[in-house]
Amino acid sequence: MNRLVLPVNRARTPSRPRAGMNRAACLLLAAMAVWPLAAPAGEELPDPRGYVNDYAGVLTAEERGQLDAITGTLEQTTSIELAIAVVDSVAPRDPKSYAVDLFAKWGIGKKGRDNGVLILLAMQERRVEIEVGYGLEPVLTDSRAGRLLDTHAVPALQATNGAPQQV
């Protein structure tokens, strides 16, 4: 007696390799979505050398000393950390995103207080940015920071044709 065995039509259940491929595809899509937010290839943000960081070489020794004294006194009396970064250029980034990323990399402000401030001068772009930690935003609001720039920093930079001046 020959029996004809017909295959049973069963619904295919996903096997492990297929599930792993789905997971890999999801990770790949997530990486592709986040990739534009990452720093451009080959670009490194500088490491801090203290509170005053002149990577463009435009501050005199006297100006640097005065700024070091101001930032040190501010930190000792209020615990606020004020960091200053002078760079030749922020290219290929825009000054705002450069300031945000530099603020995060340097970890400016006391842990748990978020009481840090970064002043970034981008010489080629002729831009000044102020980045404020969340703990200081009620005191140093965006509008107040903008007024400080408009009242002091921008006129000082215009008067010196872009060279930083103590503000």
Foldseek 3Di string as FASTA:
>chain_A
DDDDDDDDDDDDDDDDVVVVVVVVVVVVVVCVVCVVVDDPPPDDDDADPAQEAEQPPQDDPVRVVVVNVVQVVCCVPPVEHEHEYEEQAPPPDDVVSSQVVNCVVHVGGDPPQQRYWYWYQHQVVLDIDIDGGPNCCVPCPPVNVVCCCVVPVNVQCVVVVRRGDDD
